[in-house]
């Protein structure tokens, strides 16, 4: 006979609530913000100038996944969740350098434990 975990025994509507609540609480702690749809001429200095008004930026990094692509995205890290949330709310859907931005809070990257033992 197959053993069933506690999650599988819950009704379907309750399973989704548990999963979404777990993701929401994890994401609530995140200070990482994704900015998608940047113009290829947008540089880190301009990005910092625009997004610094929402709080203290710990880092702002432009990412270009493929050299043949003409669009960029950026990963910003704020000092607090409230600053990240304000930036996401205020800048999502705004225009920068002729492009509409999609701004959202994202999960922080997983950190690998690199011990030299």
N, C-alpha and C. Protein backbone atom coordinates (compact mmCIF):
# COMPACT_ATOMS: atom_id res chain seq x y z
N UNK A 1 0.84 -1.18 0.00
CA UNK A 1 0.00 0.00 0.00
C UNK A 1 0.88 1.25 0.00
N UNK A 2 0.52 2.20 -0.80
CA UNK A 2 1.30 3.43 -0.93
C UNK A 2 1.04 4.37 0.24
N UNK A 3 2.12 4.92 0.79
CA UNK A 3 1.97 5.88 1.89
C UNK A 3 1.73 7.26 1.31
N UNK A 4 0.86 8.00 1.94
CA UNK A 4 0.49 9.32 1.46
C UNK A 4 0.92 10.35 2.49
N UNK A 5 1.55 11.43 2.01
CA UNK A 5 1.95 12.51 2.91
C UNK A 5 0.77 13.32 3.40
N UNK A 6 0.99 14.13 4.40
CA UNK A 6 -0.06 14.95 4.98
C UNK A 6 -0.67 15.90 3.95
N UNK A 7 0.14 16.47 3.09
CA UNK A 7 -0.34 17.42 2.09
C UNK A 7 -1.32 16.76 1.14
N UNK A 8 -1.04 15.51 0.75
CA UNK A 8 -1.91 14.81 -0.20
C UNK A 8 -3.27 14.48 0.41
N UNK A 9 -3.35 14.43 1.73
CA UNK A 9 -4.61 14.11 2.38
C UNK A 9 -5.53 15.32 2.50
N UNK A 10 -5.02 16.51 2.29
CA UNK A 10 -5.84 17.71 2.38
C UNK A 10 -6.70 17.87 1.14
N UNK A 11 -7.89 18.49 1.27
CA UNK A 11 -8.69 18.80 0.09
C UNK A 11 -7.91 19.73 -0.84
N UNK A 12 -8.20 19.64 -2.13
CA UNK A 12 -7.46 20.42 -3.13
C UNK A 12 -7.45 21.91 -2.83
N UNK A 13 -8.58 22.47 -2.41
CA UNK A 13 -8.62 23.92 -2.17
C UNK A 13 -7.71 24.34 -1.02
N UNK A 14 -7.47 23.47 -0.06
CA UNK A 14 -6.58 23.80 1.05
C UNK A 14 -5.11 23.62 0.67
N UNK A 15 -4.81 22.71 -0.23
CA UNK A 15 -3.43 22.52 -0.67
C UNK A 15 -2.88 23.78 -1.32
N UNK A 16 -3.65 24.38 -2.20
CA UNK A 16 -3.23 25.60 -2.88
C UNK A 16 -2.99 26.74 -1.92
N UNK A 17 -3.84 26.84 -0.89
CA UNK A 17 -3.69 27.92 0.09
C UNK A 17 -2.37 27.78 0.84
N UNK A 18 -2.03 26.57 1.21
CA UNK A 18 -0.78 26.36 1.96
C UNK A 18 0.42 26.71 1.09
N UNK A 19 0.41 26.25 -0.15
CA UNK A 19 1.53 26.52 -1.04
C UNK A 19 1.66 28.00 -1.32
N UNK A 20 0.54 28.67 -1.62
CA UNK A 20 0.62 30.09 -1.95
C UNK A 20 1.01 30.92 -0.73
N UNK A 21 0.55 30.54 0.45
CA UNK A 21 0.94 31.27 1.65
C UNK A 21 2.42 31.09 1.93
N UNK A 22 2.95 29.91 1.70
CA UNK A 22 4.38 29.68 1.92
C UNK A 22 5.20 30.54 0.96
N UNK A 23 4.81 30.59 -0.29
CA UNK A 23 5.53 31.41 -1.27
C UNK A 23 5.41 32.89 -0.94
N UNK A 24 4.23 33.32 -0.50
CA UNK A 24 4.02 34.73 -0.19
C UNK A 24 4.89 35.16 0.98
N UNK A 25 4.98 34.34 2.02
CA UNK A 25 5.78 34.74 3.18
C UNK A 25 7.26 34.78 2.82
N UNK A 26 7.70 33.87 1.95
CA UNK A 26 9.10 33.88 1.53
C UNK A 26 9.38 35.11 0.67
N UNK A 27 8.49 35.40 -0.26
CA UNK A 27 8.68 36.53 -1.16
C UNK A 27 8.56 37.84 -0.38
N UNK A 28 7.76 37.88 0.67
CA UNK A 28 7.60 39.11 1.45
C UNK A 28 8.92 39.58 2.03
N UNK A 29 9.81 38.68 2.30
CA UNK A 29 11.09 39.04 2.90
C UNK A 29 12.09 39.50 1.85
N UNK A 30 11.77 39.32 0.60
CA UNK A 30 12.73 39.61 -0.47
C UNK A 30 12.89 41.11 -0.69
N UNK A 31 14.12 41.51 -0.90
CA UNK A 31 14.42 42.90 -1.24
C UNK A 31 14.91 43.00 -2.68
N UNK A 32 14.76 41.91 -3.43
CA UNK A 32 15.21 41.84 -4.82
C UNK A 32 14.09 42.25 -5.76
N UNK A 33 14.42 43.08 -6.73
CA UNK A 33 13.44 43.59 -7.69
C UNK A 33 13.93 43.30 -9.10
N UNK A 34 13.03 42.81 -9.94
CA UNK A 34 13.33 42.56 -11.34
C UNK A 34 12.73 43.68 -12.19
N UNK A 35 13.51 44.21 -13.11
CA UNK A 35 13.04 45.24 -14.04
C UNK A 35 13.23 44.67 -15.45
N UNK A 36 12.11 44.42 -16.12
CA UNK A 36 12.14 43.81 -17.45
C UNK A 36 11.68 44.82 -18.49
N UNK A 37 12.31 44.79 -19.66
CA UNK A 37 11.89 45.64 -20.77
C UNK A 37 12.72 46.91 -20.92
N UNK A 38 13.92 46.91 -20.39
CA UNK A 38 14.77 48.09 -20.50
C UNK A 38 15.27 48.28 -21.93
N UNK A 39 15.43 49.53 -22.32
CA UNK A 39 16.00 49.85 -23.62
C UNK A 39 17.49 49.52 -23.59
N UNK A 40 18.04 49.12 -24.72
CA UNK A 40 19.45 48.72 -24.75
C UNK A 40 20.40 49.87 -24.46
N UNK A 41 19.93 51.13 -24.59
CA UNK A 41 20.78 52.28 -24.27
C UNK A 41 20.77 52.65 -22.79
N UNK A 42 19.86 52.06 -22.02
CA UNK A 42 19.79 52.35 -20.59
C UNK A 42 21.02 51.77 -19.90
N UNK A 43 21.72 52.61 -19.13
CA UNK A 43 22.92 52.12 -18.43
C UNK A 43 22.66 52.07 -16.92
N UNK A 44 23.62 51.51 -16.17
CA UNK A 44 23.45 51.34 -14.73
C UNK A 44 23.33 52.67 -14.00
N UNK A 45 24.01 53.70 -14.47
CA UNK A 45 23.93 55.02 -13.84
C UNK A 45 22.51 55.56 -13.93
N UNK A 46 21.92 55.49 -15.11
CA UNK A 46 20.53 55.96 -15.29
C UNK A 46 19.57 55.12 -14.45
N UNK A 47 19.79 53.82 -14.43
CA UNK A 47 18.94 52.92 -13.66
C UNK A 47 18.99 53.28 -12.17
N UNK A 48 20.20 53.50 -11.66
CA UNK A 48 20.35 53.89 -10.25
C UNK A 48 19.68 55.23 -9.96
N UNK A 49 19.84 56.20 -10.87
CA UNK A 49 19.22 57.51 -10.67
C UNK A 49 17.70 57.40 -10.56
N UNK A 50 17.10 56.59 -11.41
CA UNK A 50 15.64 56.45 -11.42
C UNK A 50 15.15 55.70 -10.19
N UNK A 51 15.80 54.61 -9.83
CA UNK A 51 15.29 53.75 -8.76
C UNK A 51 15.79 54.12 -7.37
N UNK A 52 16.78 55.00 -7.25
CA UNK A 52 17.30 55.40 -5.94
C UNK A 52 16.30 56.23 -5.15
N UNK A 53 15.34 56.84 -5.82
CA UNK A 53 14.37 57.68 -5.11
C UNK A 53 13.42 56.87 -4.23
N UNK A 54 13.42 55.53 -4.38
CA UNK A 54 12.54 54.69 -3.57
C UNK A 54 13.24 54.13 -2.34
N UNK A 55 14.56 54.35 -2.24
CA UNK A 55 15.28 53.87 -1.06
C UNK A 55 16.73 53.59 -1.38
N UNK A 56 17.38 52.98 -0.42
CA UNK A 56 18.81 52.70 -0.52
C UNK A 56 19.05 51.45 -1.37
N UNK A 57 19.69 51.64 -2.51
CA UNK A 57 20.00 50.52 -3.40
C UNK A 57 21.32 49.88 -2.97
N UNK A 58 21.28 48.60 -2.66
CA UNK A 58 22.51 47.88 -2.33
C UNK A 58 23.25 47.47 -3.60
N UNK A 59 22.48 47.14 -4.65
CA UNK A 59 23.10 46.83 -5.93
C UNK A 59 22.10 47.03 -7.06
N UNK A 60 22.64 47.33 -8.23
CA UNK A 60 21.85 47.47 -9.45
C UNK A 60 22.69 46.89 -10.57
N UNK A 61 22.19 45.83 -11.17
CA UNK A 61 22.98 45.11 -12.17
C UNK A 61 22.14 44.89 -13.42
N UNK A 62 22.68 45.31 -14.57
CA UNK A 62 22.03 45.05 -15.86
C UNK A 62 22.40 43.65 -16.32
N UNK A 63 21.43 42.96 -16.91
CA UNK A 63 21.66 41.61 -17.40
C UNK A 63 21.22 41.54 -18.85
N UNK A 64 22.11 41.08 -19.70
CA UNK A 64 21.78 40.86 -21.10
C UNK A 64 22.00 39.39 -21.37
N UNK A 65 20.91 38.65 -21.52
CA UNK A 65 21.01 37.19 -21.60
C UNK A 65 21.66 36.71 -22.89
N UNK A 66 21.44 37.41 -23.99
CA UNK A 66 21.96 36.97 -25.28
C UNK A 66 22.49 38.20 -26.02
N UNK A 67 23.73 38.17 -26.50
CA UNK A 67 24.29 39.34 -27.19
C UNK A 67 23.48 39.79 -28.41
N UNK A 68 22.74 38.88 -29.02
CA UNK A 68 21.96 39.25 -30.20
C UNK A 68 20.65 39.96 -29.83
N UNK A 69 20.26 39.90 -28.57
CA UNK A 69 19.02 40.55 -28.14
C UNK A 69 19.26 42.03 -27.87
N UNK A 70 18.29 42.84 -28.20
CA UNK A 70 18.45 44.28 -28.00
C UNK A 70 17.79 44.76 -26.71
N UNK A 71 17.19 43.87 -25.94
CA UNK A 71 16.58 44.32 -24.69
C UNK A 71 17.33 43.77 -23.49
N UNK A 72 17.22 44.49 -22.40
CA UNK A 72 17.91 44.15 -21.17
C UNK A 72 16.91 43.96 -20.04
N UNK A 73 17.36 43.37 -18.98
CA UNK A 73 16.61 43.40 -17.74
C UNK A 73 17.61 43.70 -16.63
N UNK A 74 17.09 44.08 -15.49
CA UNK A 74 17.97 44.45 -14.38
C UNK A 74 17.53 43.76 -13.11
N UNK A 75 18.49 43.52 -12.25
CA UNK A 75 18.22 43.00 -10.92
C UNK A 75 18.68 44.07 -9.92
N UNK A 76 17.74 44.55 -9.13
CA UNK A 76 18.03 45.57 -8.12
C UNK A 76 17.88 44.94 -6.74
N UNK A 77 18.68 45.38 -5.80
CA UNK A 77 18.55 44.92 -4.42
C UNK A 77 18.47 46.15 -3.53
N UNK A 78 17.36 46.23 -2.79
CA UNK A 78 17.15 47.34 -1.84
C UNK A 78 17.52 46.90 -0.43
N UNK A 79 17.63 47.86 0.47
CA UNK A 79 17.97 47.56 1.86
C UNK A 79 16.82 46.93 2.62
N UNK A 80 15.58 47.34 2.30
CA UNK A 80 14.42 46.81 3.01
C UNK A 80 13.34 46.36 2.03
N UNK A 81 12.45 45.52 2.53
CA UNK A 81 11.33 45.05 1.73
C UNK A 81 10.42 46.22 1.35
N UNK A 82 10.18 47.14 2.27
CA UNK A 82 9.28 48.28 1.99
C UNK A 82 9.79 49.13 0.83
N UNK A 83 11.09 49.33 0.76
CA UNK A 83 11.67 50.09 -0.36
C UNK A 83 11.48 49.34 -1.67
N UNK A 84 11.72 48.04 -1.64
CA UNK A 84 11.55 47.22 -2.85
C UNK A 84 10.09 47.22 -3.30
N UNK A 85 9.18 47.12 -2.36
CA UNK A 85 7.75 47.11 -2.69
C UNK A 85 7.32 48.44 -3.29
N UNK A 86 7.78 49.55 -2.72
CA UNK A 86 7.43 50.86 -3.26
C UNK A 86 7.95 51.03 -4.69
N UNK A 87 9.17 50.59 -4.94
CA UNK A 87 9.74 50.68 -6.29
C UNK A 87 8.92 49.85 -7.27
N UNK A 88 8.55 48.65 -6.87
CA UNK A 88 7.77 47.77 -7.75
C UNK A 88 6.40 48.37 -8.05
N UNK A 89 5.75 48.91 -7.04
CA UNK A 89 4.41 49.48 -7.23
C UNK A 89 4.47 50.73 -8.10
N UNK A 90 5.40 51.61 -7.80
CA UNK A 90 5.46 52.90 -8.50
C UNK A 90 5.99 52.79 -9.94
N UNK A 91 6.92 51.88 -10.19
CA UNK A 91 7.57 51.84 -11.50
C UNK A 91 6.98 50.81 -12.47
N UNK A 92 6.19 49.87 -11.97
CA UNK A 92 5.60 48.88 -12.87
C UNK A 92 4.64 49.57 -13.85
N UNK A 93 4.87 49.36 -15.13
CA UNK A 93 4.02 49.96 -16.17
C UNK A 93 4.45 51.36 -16.58
N UNK A 94 5.50 51.90 -15.96
CA UNK A 94 5.99 53.23 -16.32
C UNK A 94 6.91 53.14 -17.54
N UNK A 95 7.07 54.26 -18.21
CA UNK A 95 7.94 54.31 -19.39
C UNK A 95 9.31 54.85 -19.01
N UNK A 96 10.34 54.20 -19.52
CA UNK A 96 11.72 54.66 -19.33
C UNK A 96 12.44 54.50 -20.66
N UNK A 97 12.96 55.58 -21.17
CA UNK A 97 13.67 55.59 -22.46
C UNK A 97 12.84 54.97 -23.59
N UNK A 98 11.53 55.27 -23.56
CA UNK A 98 10.65 54.81 -24.63
C UNK A 98 10.16 53.38 -24.50
N UNK A 99 10.45 52.73 -23.40
CA UNK A 99 10.02 51.33 -23.20
C UNK A 99 9.18 51.22 -21.94
N UNK A 100 8.13 50.40 -21.98
CA UNK A 100 7.32 50.14 -20.80
C UNK A 100 8.02 49.11 -19.93
N UNK A 101 8.11 49.41 -18.64
CA UNK A 101 8.80 48.53 -17.71
C UNK A 101 7.84 47.57 -17.04
N UNK A 102 8.32 46.37 -16.78
CA UNK A 102 7.62 45.42 -15.93
C UNK A 102 8.50 45.21 -14.71
N UNK A 103 8.01 45.68 -13.57
CA UNK A 103 8.81 45.67 -12.35
C UNK A 103 8.10 44.82 -11.31
N UNK A 104 8.83 43.90 -10.69
CA UNK A 104 8.22 43.05 -9.68
C UNK A 104 9.26 42.59 -8.67
N UNK A 105 8.77 42.22 -7.50
CA UNK A 105 9.64 41.65 -6.47
C UNK A 105 9.87 40.19 -6.84
N UNK A 106 11.10 39.76 -6.73
CA UNK A 106 11.45 38.38 -7.09
C UNK A 106 12.10 37.69 -5.90
N UNK A 107 12.13 36.37 -5.96
CA UNK A 107 12.81 35.60 -4.93
C UNK A 107 14.30 35.88 -4.99
N UNK A 108 14.95 35.99 -3.84
CA UNK A 108 16.41 36.15 -3.87
C UNK A 108 17.04 34.87 -4.40
N UNK A 109 18.20 34.99 -5.03
CA UNK A 109 18.86 33.79 -5.55
C UNK A 109 19.27 32.87 -4.41
N UNK A 110 19.25 31.58 -4.70
CA UNK A 110 19.70 30.61 -3.70
C UNK A 110 21.20 30.74 -3.54
N UNK A 111 21.66 30.73 -2.30
CA UNK A 111 23.09 30.86 -2.02
C UNK A 111 23.63 29.48 -1.71
N UNK A 112 24.66 29.10 -2.44
CA UNK A 112 25.29 27.80 -2.19
C UNK A 112 26.26 27.93 -1.04
N UNK A 113 26.31 26.92 -0.22
CA UNK A 113 27.24 26.89 0.91
C UNK A 113 28.56 26.32 0.42
N UNK A 114 29.54 27.17 0.19
CA UNK A 114 30.86 26.74 -0.29
C UNK A 114 31.84 26.69 0.87
N UNK A 115 31.86 25.57 1.56
CA UNK A 115 32.81 25.44 2.66
C UNK A 115 34.03 24.67 2.18
N UNK A 116 35.17 25.05 2.69
CA UNK A 116 36.44 24.44 2.28
C UNK A 116 36.85 23.33 3.24
N UNK A 117 35.92 22.45 3.57
CA UNK A 117 36.26 21.37 4.50
C UNK A 117 36.57 20.11 3.77
